[in-house]
Amino acid sequence: MFTYHDNTTAPSASVPLIDDALAMFGFVPNLHRILAESPAAHEAYSTLYRLATEKTTLTPVEVQVVMMASNHHNRCHYCMAGHSMIMTMMKTPQDIITALREGKPLADGKLEALRVFSGTLLEERGHVGDEVLGAFLAAGYTRAQVLEVLVCLAAKLLSNFTNALAHTEVDAPMSAMAWTPPAI
C-alpha cells in the first residue's frame, strides 16, 4: 500500500532527507523510503531522531534504551531490528540488547529506571503521576532529561506507527536482528 521511494521517485523536498539517511546509515532504510512520501513526516522524523541522538543530555545507550522500550511497547518489528543493529554497532553489551528485545528488566539500575519510566509514559499516555516521576528523578535523571525522553518517544511514535501502517520490510543489513513481537 506504501511506496518505497528513492531519490528518483520521492517528492523533491524528500530527496535531501533520503541523501541524509544514506550518509547516516550507509544505505537508505525502508522507513525513510516510506516516509519520503510526505516531506513533512520525513523531516519531522529525521529532525526528532537527530535531536534525540545529538542534542539531548542522555547518553547514546540511554537514548537507545528509550527507543527500544518504545519499540517493544508499540510492537515495532522494524525498529526493534534496526535499533538492535545500532546497539550492536555501538558495542552495547548483548545482555542489555536481549533484555530490551524481550521487555525484561535491565541489570543496571539507572538504565532499568529509564526503561520503566519510558514504558510507563507510553502505557499511561504521559499521566504517570508524581510518584513515578519522583522515582525516575531519584534514579539520577534530571527534569530536563524527563523532557528529553519525550523527544525520543516522539521520534519513535512516528517510526513505530509508520511501520505498523506500512508493514515495512526489514532491510537486509538488519535481517540478522529480525524480531517478532510477543503475542498479546
C-alpha atoms as a PDB file:
ATOM      1  CA  MET A   1       0.000   0.000   0.000  1.00  0.00           C
ATOM      2  CA  PHE A   2       3.002   2.327   0.528  1.00  0.00           C
ATOM      3  CA  THR A   3       5.781   3.104  -1.937  1.00  0.00           C
ATOM      4  CA  TYR A   4       9.449   2.539  -1.167  1.00  0.00           C
ATOM      5  CA  HIS A   5      10.793   5.755  -2.671  1.00  0.00           C
ATOM      6  CA  ASP A   6      14.311   6.571  -3.733  1.00  0.00           C
ATOM      7  CA  ASN A   7      15.679   9.908  -4.830  1.00  0.00           C
ATOM      8  CA  THR A   8      14.228   9.443  -8.331  1.00  0.00           C
ATOM      9  CA  THR A   9      10.626   8.800  -7.196  1.00  0.00           C
ATOM     10  CA  ALA A  10      10.320  10.813  -3.979  1.00  0.00           C
ATOM     11  CA  PRO A  11       8.853  14.296  -3.838  1.00  0.00           C
ATOM     12  CA  SER A  12      11.686  16.776  -4.355  1.00  0.00           C
ATOM     13  CA  ALA A  13      11.523  18.022  -0.747  1.00  0.00           C
ATOM     14  CA  SER A  14      12.302  14.487   0.493  1.00  0.00           C
ATOM     15  CA  VAL A  15      15.376  13.962  -1.708  1.00  0.00           C
ATOM     16  CA  PRO A  16      17.805  15.749   0.666  1.00  0.00           C
ATOM     17  CA  LEU A  17      16.401  13.681   3.538  1.00  0.00           C
ATOM     18  CA  ILE A  18      16.958  10.473   1.580  1.00  0.00           C
ATOM     19  CA  ASP A  19      20.521  11.607   0.898  1.00  0.00           C
ATOM     20  CA  ASP A  20      20.991  12.372   4.625  1.00  0.00           C
ATOM     21  CA  ALA A  21      19.738   8.887   5.556  1.00  0.00           C
ATOM     22  CA  LEU A  22      22.192   7.343   3.097  1.00  0.00           C
ATOM     23  CA  ALA A  23      25.044   9.345   4.632  1.00  0.00           C
ATOM     24  CA  MET A  24      23.981   8.447   8.184  1.00  0.00           C
ATOM     25  CA  PHE A  25      23.331   4.720   7.748  1.00  0.00           C
ATOM     26  CA  GLY A  26      25.279   3.764   4.619  1.00  0.00           C
ATOM     27  CA  PHE A  27      22.020   2.738   2.927  1.00  0.00           C
ATOM     28  CA  VAL A  28      18.524   4.211   2.749  1.00  0.00           C
ATOM     29  CA  PRO A  29      16.430   2.380   5.347  1.00  0.00           C
ATOM     30  CA  ASN A  30      12.990   1.323   4.175  1.00  0.00           C
ATOM     31  CA  LEU A  31      11.445   3.507   6.889  1.00  0.00           C
ATOM     32  CA  HIS A  32      12.962   6.574   5.217  1.00  0.00           C
ATOM     33  CA  ARG A  33      11.879   5.345   1.805  1.00  0.00           C
ATOM     34  CA  ILE A  34       8.272   5.173   3.037  1.00  0.00           C
ATOM     35  CA  LEU A  35       8.397   8.446   4.980  1.00  0.00           C
ATOM     36  CA  ALA A  36       9.638  10.145   1.809  1.00  0.00           C
ATOM     37  CA  GLU A  37       6.036  10.082   0.573  1.00  0.00           C
ATOM     38  CA  SER A  38       5.379  13.009   2.927  1.00  0.00           C
ATOM     39  CA  PRO A  39       8.229  15.504   3.148  1.00  0.00           C
ATOM     40  CA  ALA A  40       6.687  16.888   6.367  1.00  0.00           C
ATOM     41  CA  ALA A  41       6.582  13.453   8.050  1.00  0.00           C
ATOM     42  CA  HIS A  42      10.063  12.613   6.777  1.00  0.00           C
ATOM     43  CA  GLU A  43      11.507  15.893   8.038  1.00  0.00           C
ATOM     44  CA  ALA A  44       9.702  15.584  11.379  1.00  0.00           C
ATOM     45  CA  TYR A  45      11.111  12.104  11.972  1.00  0.00           C
ATOM     46  CA  SER A  46      14.619  12.989  10.788  1.00  0.00           C
ATOM     47  CA  THR A  47      14.681  16.123  12.931  1.00  0.00           C
ATOM     48  CA  LEU A  48      13.389  14.387  16.046  1.00  0.00           C
ATOM     49  CA  TYR A  49      15.818  11.484  15.586  1.00  0.00           C
ATOM     50  CA  ARG A  50      18.774  13.860  15.240  1.00  0.00           C
ATOM     51  CA  LEU A  51      17.642  15.888  18.253  1.00  0.00           C
ATOM     52  CA  ALA A  52      17.307  12.705  20.313  1.00  0.00           C
ATOM     53  CA  THR A  53      20.686  11.326  19.303  1.00  0.00           C
ATOM     54  CA  GLU A  54      22.705  14.535  19.062  1.00  0.00           C
ATOM     55  CA  LYS A  55      21.181  17.218  21.279  1.00  0.00           C
ATOM     56  CA  THR A  56      19.846  15.525  24.419  1.00  0.00           C
ATOM     57  CA  THR A  57      21.953  15.006  27.519  1.00  0.00           C
ATOM     58  CA  LEU A  58      21.073  11.306  27.539  1.00  0.00           C
ATOM     59  CA  THR A  59      23.973   9.016  26.702  1.00  0.00           C
ATOM     60  CA  PRO A  60      23.836   7.143  23.386  1.00  0.00           C
ATOM     61  CA  VAL A  61      22.918   3.947  25.265  1.00  0.00           C
ATOM     62  CA  GLU A  62      20.211   5.765  27.235  1.00  0.00           C
ATOM     63  CA  VAL A  63      18.681   7.103  24.017  1.00  0.00           C
ATOM     64  CA  GLN A  64      18.599   3.568  22.660  1.00  0.00           C
ATOM     65  CA  VAL A  65      17.024   2.232  25.868  1.00  0.00           C
ATOM     66  CA  VAL A  66      14.156   4.711  25.473  1.00  0.00           C
ATOM     67  CA  MET A  67      13.773   3.862  21.800  1.00  0.00           C
ATOM     68  CA  MET A  68      13.894   0.125  22.406  1.00  0.00           C
ATOM     69  CA  ALA A  69      11.313   0.441  25.205  1.00  0.00           C
ATOM     70  CA  SER A  70       9.046   2.171  22.690  1.00  0.00           C
ATOM     71  CA  ASN A  71       9.776  -0.415  20.009  1.00  0.00           C
ATOM     72  CA  HIS A  72       8.773  -3.187  22.410  1.00  0.00           C
ATOM     73  CA  HIS A  73       5.690  -1.389  23.735  1.00  0.00           C
ATOM     74  CA  ASN A  74       4.495  -0.497  20.222  1.00  0.00           C
ATOM     75  CA  ARG A  75       5.400  -3.944  18.857  1.00  0.00           C
ATOM     76  CA  CYS A  76       7.517  -2.467  16.064  1.00  0.00           C
ATOM     77  CA  HIS A  77       9.225  -5.333  14.243  1.00  0.00           C
ATOM     78  CA  TYR A  78      11.156  -2.961  12.018  1.00  0.00           C
ATOM     79  CA  CYS A  79      12.515  -0.569  14.640  1.00  0.00           C
ATOM     80  CA  MET A  80      13.387  -3.403  17.003  1.00  0.00           C
ATOM     81  CA  ALA A  81      15.613  -4.901  14.302  1.00  0.00           C
ATOM     82  CA  GLY A  82      17.087  -1.506  13.395  1.00  0.00           C
ATOM     83  CA  HIS A  83      17.884  -0.413  16.927  1.00  0.00           C
ATOM     84  CA  SER A  84      19.234  -3.849  17.814  1.00  0.00           C
ATOM     85  CA  MET A  85      21.656  -3.384  14.916  1.00  0.00           C
ATOM     86  CA  ILE A  86      22.527   0.145  16.068  1.00  0.00           C
ATOM     87  CA  MET A  87      23.145  -1.025  19.635  1.00  0.00           C
ATOM     88  CA  THR A  88      25.307  -3.880  18.366  1.00  0.00           C
ATOM     89  CA  MET A  89      27.332  -1.420  16.283  1.00  0.00           C
ATOM     90  CA  MET A  90      27.685   0.755  19.413  1.00  0.00           C
ATOM     91  CA  LYS A  91      29.133  -2.328  21.151  1.00  0.00           C
ATOM     92  CA  THR A  92      26.356  -2.318  23.754  1.00  0.00           C
ATOM     93  CA  PRO A  93      26.581  -5.462  25.901  1.00  0.00           C
ATOM     94  CA  GLN A  94      24.425  -8.235  24.449  1.00  0.00           C
ATOM     95  CA  ASP A  95      22.595  -8.813  27.737  1.00  0.00           C
ATOM     96  CA  ILE A  96      21.187  -5.271  27.537  1.00  0.00           C
ATOM     97  CA  ILE A  97      20.059  -5.737  23.925  1.00  0.00           C
ATOM     98  CA  THR A  98      18.477  -9.112  24.727  1.00  0.00           C
ATOM     99  CA  ALA A  99      16.619  -7.795  27.769  1.00  0.00           C
ATOM    100  CA  LEU A 100      15.249  -4.844  25.778  1.00  0.00           C
ATOM    101  CA  ARG A 101      14.135  -7.122  22.943  1.00  0.00           C
ATOM    102  CA  GLU A 102      12.371  -9.344  25.475  1.00  0.00           C
ATOM    103  CA  GLY A 103      10.902  -6.499  27.539  1.00  0.00           C
ATOM    104  CA  LYS A 104      12.738  -7.750  30.617  1.00  0.00           C
ATOM    105  CA  PRO A 105      14.452  -5.810  33.423  1.00  0.00           C
ATOM    106  CA  LEU A 106      17.958  -4.464  32.891  1.00  0.00           C
ATOM    107  CA  ALA A 107      20.660  -5.305  35.440  1.00  0.00           C
ATOM    108  CA  ASP A 108      21.850  -1.682  35.546  1.00  0.00           C
ATOM    109  CA  GLY A 109      19.532   0.107  37.997  1.00  0.00           C
ATOM    110  CA  LYS A 110      19.681   3.507  36.315  1.00  0.00           C
ATOM    111  CA  LEU A 111      19.029   2.090  32.836  1.00  0.00           C
ATOM    112  CA  GLU A 112      16.208  -0.002  34.275  1.00  0.00           C
ATOM    113  CA  ALA A 113      14.644   3.127  35.771  1.00  0.00           C
ATOM    114  CA  LEU A 114      14.829   4.706  32.310  1.00  0.00           C
ATOM    115  CA  ARG A 115      13.277   1.651  30.637  1.00  0.00           C
ATOM    116  CA  VAL A 116      10.460   1.503  33.177  1.00  0.00           C
ATOM    117  CA  PHE A 117       9.813   5.246  33.037  1.00  0.00           C
ATOM    118  CA  SER A 118       9.674   5.173  29.221  1.00  0.00           C
ATOM    119  CA  GLY A 119       7.292   2.231  29.210  1.00  0.00           C
ATOM    120  CA  THR A 120       5.098   3.793  31.882  1.00  0.00           C
ATOM    121  CA  LEU A 121       4.901   7.056  29.925  1.00  0.00           C
ATOM    122  CA  LEU A 122       3.691   5.093  26.911  1.00  0.00           C
ATOM    123  CA  GLU A 123       1.296   2.903  28.879  1.00  0.00           C
ATOM    124  CA  GLU A 124      -0.221   5.815  30.787  1.00  0.00           C
ATOM    125  CA  ARG A 125      -0.081   8.285  27.864  1.00  0.00           C
ATOM    126  CA  GLY A 126       2.048  10.642  29.929  1.00  0.00           C
ATOM    127  CA  HIS A 127      -0.148  10.559  33.034  1.00  0.00           C
ATOM    128  CA  VAL A 128       2.417   8.821  35.237  1.00  0.00           C
ATOM    129  CA  GLY A 129       1.872  10.772  38.448  1.00  0.00           C
ATOM    130  CA  ASP A 130       4.322  12.378  40.835  1.00  0.00           C
ATOM    131  CA  GLU A 131       5.421   9.107  42.441  1.00  0.00           C
ATOM    132  CA  VAL A 132       6.642   7.607  39.146  1.00  0.00           C
ATOM    133  CA  LEU A 133       8.230  10.901  38.139  1.00  0.00           C
ATOM    134  CA  GLY A 134       9.924  11.159  41.544  1.00  0.00           C
ATOM    135  CA  ALA A 135      11.310   7.623  41.263  1.00  0.00           C
ATOM    136  CA  PHE A 136      12.791   8.478  37.856  1.00  0.00           C
ATOM    137  CA  LEU A 137      14.415  11.624  39.222  1.00  0.00           C
ATOM    138  CA  ALA A 138      15.673   9.697  42.273  1.00  0.00           C
ATOM    139  CA  ALA A 139      17.415   7.260  39.903  1.00  0.00           C
ATOM    140  CA  GLY A 140      19.714  10.111  38.889  1.00  0.00           C
ATOM    141  CA  TYR A 141      17.920  11.724  35.970  1.00  0.00           C
ATOM    142  CA  THR A 142      17.096  15.429  35.682  1.00  0.00           C
ATOM    143  CA  ARG A 143      13.891  17.298  34.873  1.00  0.00           C
ATOM    144  CA  ALA A 144      15.475  18.235  31.539  1.00  0.00           C
ATOM    145  CA  GLN A 145      16.031  14.543  30.830  1.00  0.00           C
ATOM    146  CA  VAL A 146      12.364  13.839  31.597  1.00  0.00           C
ATOM    147  CA  LEU A 147      11.556  16.106  28.656  1.00  0.00           C
ATOM    148  CA  GLU A 148      14.342  14.614  26.540  1.00  0.00           C
ATOM    149  CA  VAL A 149      12.767  11.179  26.975  1.00  0.00           C
ATOM    150  CA  LEU A 150       9.700  12.717  25.342  1.00  0.00           C
ATOM    151  CA  VAL A 151      11.815  13.797  22.354  1.00  0.00           C
ATOM    152  CA  CYS A 152      12.953  10.183  21.916  1.00  0.00           C
ATOM    153  CA  LEU A 153       9.412   8.882  22.277  1.00  0.00           C
ATOM    154  CA  ALA A 154       8.093  11.432  19.765  1.00  0.00           C
ATOM    155  CA  ALA A 155      10.580  10.158  17.173  1.00  0.00           C
ATOM    156  CA  LYS A 156       9.524   6.599  17.930  1.00  0.00           C
ATOM    157  CA  LEU A 157       5.827   7.412  17.615  1.00  0.00           C
ATOM    158  CA  LEU A 158       6.416   8.495  14.031  1.00  0.00           C
ATOM    159  CA  SER A 159       8.547   5.496  13.138  1.00  0.00           C
ATOM    160  CA  ASN A 160       6.698   2.811  15.120  1.00  0.00           C
ATOM    161  CA  PHE A 161       3.303   3.883  13.805  1.00  0.00           C
ATOM    162  CA  THR A 162       4.563   4.308  10.227  1.00  0.00           C
ATOM    163  CA  ASN A 163       5.959   0.777  10.285  1.00  0.00           C
ATOM    164  CA  ALA A 164       2.727  -0.605  11.741  1.00  0.00           C
ATOM    165  CA  LEU A 165       0.693   1.051   8.985  1.00  0.00           C
ATOM    166  CA  ALA A 166       3.093   0.212   6.150  1.00  0.00           C
ATOM    167  CA  HIS A 167       4.213  -3.266   7.284  1.00  0.00           C
ATOM    168  CA  THR A 168       7.715  -2.061   6.493  1.00  0.00           C
ATOM    169  CA  GLU A 169      10.070  -4.752   5.239  1.00  0.00           C
ATOM    170  CA  VAL A 170      13.196  -5.196   7.366  1.00  0.00           C
ATOM    171  CA  ASP A 171      16.250  -4.085   5.400  1.00  0.00           C
ATOM    172  CA  ALA A 172      18.897  -6.673   4.508  1.00  0.00           C
ATOM    173  CA  PRO A 173      21.556  -5.127   6.814  1.00  0.00           C
ATOM    174  CA  MET A 174      19.141  -5.568   9.741  1.00  0.00           C
ATOM    175  CA  SER A 175      17.797  -9.008   8.844  1.00  0.00           C
ATOM    176  CA  ALA A 176      20.012 -10.827  11.350  1.00  0.00           C
ATOM    177  CA  MET A 177      18.243  -8.806  14.061  1.00  0.00           C
ATOM    178  CA  ALA A 178      14.705  -9.631  12.894  1.00  0.00           C
ATOM    179  CA  TRP A 179      12.160  -9.671  15.714  1.00  0.00           C
ATOM    180  CA  THR A 180       8.647 -10.961  16.102  1.00  0.00           C
ATOM    181  CA  PRO A 181       6.568  -9.193  18.735  1.00  0.00           C
ATOM    182  CA  PRO A 182       5.307 -11.420  21.545  1.00  0.00           C
ATOM    183  CA  ALA A 183       1.706 -12.497  21.344  1.00  0.00           C
ATOM    184  CA  ILE A 184      -0.717 -10.270  23.181  1.00  0.00           C
END
